[in-house]
Amino acid sequence: MEDSLPPMTHFVLPGGHTTVSFCHIARTVCRRAERLASHLNDLEPFQPETLMYINRLSDYLFVLARKLSHDLQAEEIKWIPNKES
């Protein structure tokens, strides 16, 4: 999927289309699960593939959101930080 998308030049804000927003929400929930699983792994180690899977899942959800934005012709809202002097 990523190969069919234009390269990223900025961070992208969630939104642009309802379906894309759902992907971003799922990604943030997945990242939260990854942080909790990482903490749990520190306390009670488990298979390292589990953390790898959760990490790759959140990456997939991000690329899926970008692909859906592209397919739905929804604007990707670029995050441009304020540059205060």
Protein backbone atom coordinates (compact mmCIF):
# COMPACT_ATOMS: atom_id res chain seq x y z
CA MET A 1 0.00 0.00 0.00
CA GLU A 2 2.72 2.43 0.98
CA ASP A 3 4.44 2.14 -2.40
CA SER A 4 1.34 3.56 -4.12
CA LEU A 5 1.29 6.68 -1.91
CA PRO A 6 3.20 9.92 -2.31
CA PRO A 7 6.11 10.25 0.10
CA MET A 8 5.40 11.94 3.42
CA THR A 9 6.90 15.38 3.80
CA HIS A 10 5.11 16.36 7.06
CA PHE A 11 3.41 14.75 9.99
CA VAL A 12 -0.26 14.18 9.20
CA LEU A 13 -3.13 15.11 11.51
CA PRO A 14 -6.01 12.64 11.91
CA GLY A 15 -9.09 13.47 9.89
CA GLY A 16 -10.11 14.34 6.38
CA HIS A 17 -12.82 11.66 6.19
CA THR A 18 -14.83 9.67 8.74
CA THR A 19 -13.36 6.33 7.65
CA VAL A 20 -9.84 7.73 7.84
CA SER A 21 -10.56 9.06 11.34
CA PHE A 22 -11.68 5.59 12.43
CA CYS A 23 -8.32 4.19 11.26
CA HIS A 24 -6.49 6.85 13.27
CA ILE A 25 -8.57 6.06 16.35
CA ALA A 26 -7.81 2.35 15.96
CA ARG A 27 -4.12 3.22 15.59
CA THR A 28 -4.08 5.26 18.80
CA VAL A 29 -5.83 2.45 20.69
CA CYS A 30 -3.25 0.03 19.28
CA ARG A 31 -0.39 2.31 20.39
CA ARG A 32 -1.92 2.50 23.86
CA ALA A 33 -2.11 -1.31 23.95
CA GLU A 34 1.53 -1.44 22.84
CA ARG A 35 2.63 0.82 25.71
CA LEU A 36 0.65 -1.25 28.22
CA ALA A 37 1.97 -4.51 26.79
CA SER A 38 5.52 -3.17 26.94
CA HIS A 39 5.05 -2.29 30.60
CA LEU A 40 3.54 -5.72 31.28
CA ASN A 41 6.46 -7.36 29.48
CA ASP A 42 8.84 -5.56 31.86
CA LEU A 43 6.98 -7.09 34.80
CA GLU A 44 6.19 -10.50 33.34
CA PRO A 45 8.03 -11.26 30.08
CA PHE A 46 6.11 -12.90 27.25
CA GLN A 47 6.79 -13.79 23.62
CA PRO A 48 8.64 -10.90 21.90
CA GLU A 49 6.61 -11.50 18.72
CA THR A 50 3.55 -10.15 20.53
CA LEU A 51 5.06 -6.67 20.88
CA MET A 52 6.38 -6.83 17.33
CA TYR A 53 2.90 -7.70 16.06
CA ILE A 54 1.21 -4.85 17.94
CA ASN A 55 3.83 -2.42 16.65
CA ARG A 56 3.40 -3.55 13.04
CA LEU A 57 -0.40 -3.42 13.41
CA SER A 58 -0.28 0.24 14.40
CA ASP A 59 2.05 0.95 11.45
CA TYR A 60 -0.39 -0.83 9.15
CA LEU A 61 -3.31 1.22 10.47
CA PHE A 62 -1.39 4.44 9.77
CA VAL A 63 -0.61 3.41 6.20
CA LEU A 64 -4.21 2.24 5.77
CA ALA A 65 -5.43 5.68 6.87
CA ARG A 66 -3.14 7.33 4.31
CA LYS A 67 -4.25 4.91 1.58
CA LEU A 68 -7.92 5.55 2.33
CA SER A 69 -7.29 9.31 2.27
CA HIS A 70 -5.71 8.88 -1.14
CA ASP A 71 -8.46 6.60 -2.49
CA LEU A 72 -11.25 8.80 -1.11
CA GLN A 73 -9.49 11.93 -2.33
CA ALA A 74 -9.65 13.32 1.18
CA GLU A 75 -7.19 16.01 2.13
CA GLU A 76 -4.30 14.93 4.33
CA ILE A 77 -4.00 17.71 6.87
CA LYS A 78 -0.33 18.44 7.39
CA TRP A 79 0.89 19.37 10.85
CA ILE A 80 3.09 22.42 10.61
CA PRO A 81 4.31 23.60 14.01
CA ASN A 82 4.16 27.27 14.96
CA LYS A 83 7.57 28.84 14.62
CA GLU A 84 7.70 31.51 17.26
CA SER A 85 10.75 33.74 17.44
